Protein backbone atom coordinates (compact mmCIF):
# COMPACT_ATOMS: atom_id res chain seq x y z
CA GLY A 1 -5.96 14.67 -19.89
CA LYS A 2 -5.81 17.73 -18.02
CA THR A 3 -2.71 18.99 -15.82
CA ARG A 4 -4.27 19.76 -12.17
CA ARG A 5 -2.37 21.36 -9.24
CA GLY A 6 -1.47 19.02 -6.49
CA GLU A 7 -3.54 21.32 -3.88
CA THR A 8 -6.88 20.44 -5.79
CA LEU A 9 -6.32 16.43 -5.02
CA SER A 10 -8.96 14.70 -2.18
CA GLY A 11 -7.36 12.69 0.64
CA GLY A 12 -7.88 9.56 -1.58
CA GLU A 13 -6.59 10.87 -4.90
CA ALA A 14 -3.42 12.14 -3.20
CA PHE A 15 -2.98 8.68 -1.76
CA MET A 16 -3.19 7.18 -4.80
CA ALA A 17 -1.02 9.37 -6.77
CA ALA A 18 1.96 8.75 -3.51
CA LEU A 19 1.24 5.02 -3.90
CA SER A 20 1.77 5.11 -7.68
CA MET A 21 4.96 7.20 -7.29
CA ALA A 22 6.24 5.00 -4.46
CA LEU A 23 5.49 2.07 -7.20
CA GLY A 24 7.13 3.35 -9.77
CA MET A 25 10.16 4.70 -7.94
CA SER A 26 10.96 1.19 -6.51
CA ASP A 27 10.54 -0.14 -10.10
CA VAL A 28 13.05 2.78 -11.40
CA ILE A 29 15.64 2.33 -8.50
CA SER A 30 15.41 -1.55 -9.27
CA ALA A 31 16.15 -1.11 -12.84
CA ASN A 32 19.01 1.63 -12.63
CA SER A 33 20.99 0.32 -9.06
CA GLY A 34 22.82 -3.02 -10.79
CA GLY A 35 20.69 -5.29 -9.79
CA ILE A 36 19.68 -4.11 -6.25
CA ARG A 37 16.39 -4.95 -5.90
CA MET A 38 13.30 -3.51 -3.20
CA ASP A 39 11.25 -6.63 -2.67
CA SER A 40 9.49 -5.07 0.74
CA MET A 41 7.32 -2.33 0.81
CA PHE A 42 5.11 -0.63 3.92
CA VAL A 43 2.17 1.23 3.34
CA ASP A 44 1.38 3.33 6.45
CA GLU A 45 -2.26 4.52 6.10
CA GLY A 46 -4.01 6.43 3.82
CA PHE A 47 -6.50 3.69 2.83
CA GLY A 48 -9.22 5.42 4.87
CA SER A 49 -9.24 8.37 2.55
CA LEU A 50 -10.41 5.84 -0.45
CA ASP A 51 -13.96 5.35 -1.95
CA ALA A 52 -15.30 1.82 -2.24
CA ASN A 53 -13.75 1.18 -5.92
CA ALA A 54 -10.20 2.71 -5.32
CA LEU A 55 -9.85 0.86 -2.16
CA GLU A 56 -10.52 -2.39 -4.43
CA GLN A 57 -8.29 -0.97 -6.97
CA ALA A 58 -5.37 -0.22 -4.65
CA LEU A 59 -5.85 -3.79 -3.11
CA SER A 60 -6.17 -5.47 -6.21
CA VAL A 61 -2.23 -3.73 -7.02
CA LEU A 62 -0.93 -4.41 -3.76
CA THR A 63 -2.33 -8.06 -3.58
CA GLU A 64 -0.66 -8.85 -7.60
CA LEU A 65 2.41 -7.17 -6.28
CA SER A 66 2.49 -9.90 -3.41
CA ASP A 67 1.08 -12.90 -5.64
CA CYS A 68 3.67 -15.58 -5.90
CA ASP A 69 2.84 -16.67 -9.41
CA GLY A 70 4.15 -13.05 -10.18
CA GLU A 71 7.69 -12.57 -11.81
CA TYR A 72 8.65 -10.05 -9.43
CA VAL A 73 7.75 -10.43 -5.73
CA ARG A 74 7.26 -8.11 -3.17
CA GLN A 75 6.78 -8.20 0.31
CA VAL A 76 4.08 -5.46 1.28
CA GLY A 77 3.11 -4.58 4.81
CA ILE A 78 0.14 -2.25 5.34
CA ILE A 79 -0.47 -0.21 8.17
CA SER A 80 -3.99 0.60 8.36
CA HIS A 81 -7.52 0.93 10.61
CA VAL A 82 -9.87 0.03 7.72
CA GLU A 83 -12.04 -2.89 8.52
CA THR A 84 -12.31 -3.85 5.08
CA LEU A 85 -8.29 -4.51 4.96
CA LYS A 86 -8.65 -6.50 8.40
CA GLU A 87 -11.06 -8.85 6.66
CA ARG A 88 -9.68 -9.13 3.06
CA ILE A 89 -5.86 -9.83 4.23
CA ASP A 90 -5.34 -13.36 5.43
CA ASN A 91 -1.48 -12.51 6.81
CA LYS A 92 -1.36 -9.89 9.35
CA ILE A 93 0.04 -8.89 12.68
CA VAL A 94 -2.85 -7.13 14.78
CA VAL A 95 -1.91 -4.88 17.29
CA LYS A 96 -4.27 -4.22 20.30
CA THR A 97 -4.12 -1.35 22.61
CA GLY A 98 -4.93 -1.76 26.12
CA ILE A 99 -4.81 -0.88 29.96
CA HIS A 100 -1.29 -2.64 29.89
CA GLY A 101 -0.04 -1.45 26.49
CA SER A 102 -0.16 -2.82 23.11
CA LYS A 103 -0.21 -6.72 22.38
CA ILE A 104 0.41 -8.50 19.10
CA CYS A 105 -2.57 -10.74 18.62
C-alpha cells in the first residue's frame, strides 16, 4: 500500500509492472478505439528476472489470455531463453544458431 519510485524495483518487479501496463493499455486501447481490438502481443524477454512464483503467475496470466475458452482471446508470442517456458509452452518456434546461421526447428 506504499508508493515506490520506479528505480527501486528489482528486475523481476520491473518486468511484471511493464507486463501489467502493456496488458492494461491494450484493454484501454481496445475499449476506446471504436471496435479496434489488439488480438496479438509479443513479450520479449524479462522472464529470466522472475523468481519461480512470479514466473508461474506471469505464465498463468498469459495462458489465460490465449485460452480459447475465454471471452476475448489473444495470440501471445513469447521470446525467451528460459528453459521452464520452453517446457511449458506447447506451440513454439525454436530458433537455433549454428555455424551456418539460424534455423527454425
